[in-house]
């Protein structure tokens, strides 16, 4: 199993670079960041410094979207980083939540997401693609490689991921839901004539190593609110009890009243009081290192190739150290 770290690009950017370098030294192989231009600093600028100051770390957004940059610009940015540092990027992409809604726009449609995924990959790898009816190619790209991993929860997004994406990003660490969604992605890949096992599976969630479970829950409750934004969209689209989305994912948002993106991904987010302890326990990895190792082994047995650790709490350094000394050696 690979391990990644997920950070917000809060200033100063030098702190992001230092933490990514520390993560690589600890055995993490992927460095991810949020991508929301209004809420945080521009990640692609920071990726260049991270790549310069690390040797093997693969970097990318968790996640970008088709709406805040034109597709040829996104492709060219990835391709430039790969040309400079040797194919060490990955494009995590989804419909767009905070980046779009903070700017007063709606998330992209799945059709637009699928088109963007294809176009960005083709251009970044040096092939022709159509953008707004025009055939384009980046003539300077040589030997470029850009895996495109899609973030998904709902049945249509999972099917798109299986048909088209190189990887699947699932932003929660509940074994039951992981099994359900990985199966949906792999079934869609098989139906499309692809090798289901060729789709890389990445589970992303906060991890907090420590014995004070109540404190860890409060530090990570924000995550249930973040996931709840996507779940609310699914309930609006498919309804409760449709059978198309597991109730284990949707039931907990009944008490959800709203969401202020000013607190997005932040400890103590006041809009996440509706998230019960049971959801925090299911969606996150909390408690001693040994307990986290057992849950990660469960996820690995379900086909998970990477666990990406959201590092937004007051125990980031101690958690990285525990992963370095205990967790990563047990699963690598």
Foldseek 3Di string as FASTA:
>chain_A
DAEEAEEEQAPPLVVLLVVLQVLVVLRHAEYEYADAVVQHPHVLVSVLSNLVNHQRHAYEYLAAECPPDPLLVLLVSQLVSCVVRPQRYEHEYEQDDNNAVVVPHDGHDVVSRLLSLVCSQQQNQFHWDAGPNDIDHDNPRDRGGYFYEYEDAFLVSLLSRLQDGQEYEYAFQFLVSLLVSLVSSLVSVVVNVHHSLRYAYEYEAAADEDAPQVQVLLQRLLSLVVLQVVLVVVCVVQNPPNVRHDCVSNVQCPVQDDADCNQRPARPRVRRPSRDSVRSVRGYHYYHLVSSLVSVVSSVVSPHPYYYHHQHGDRNVVVSVCCSPPRVVSPD
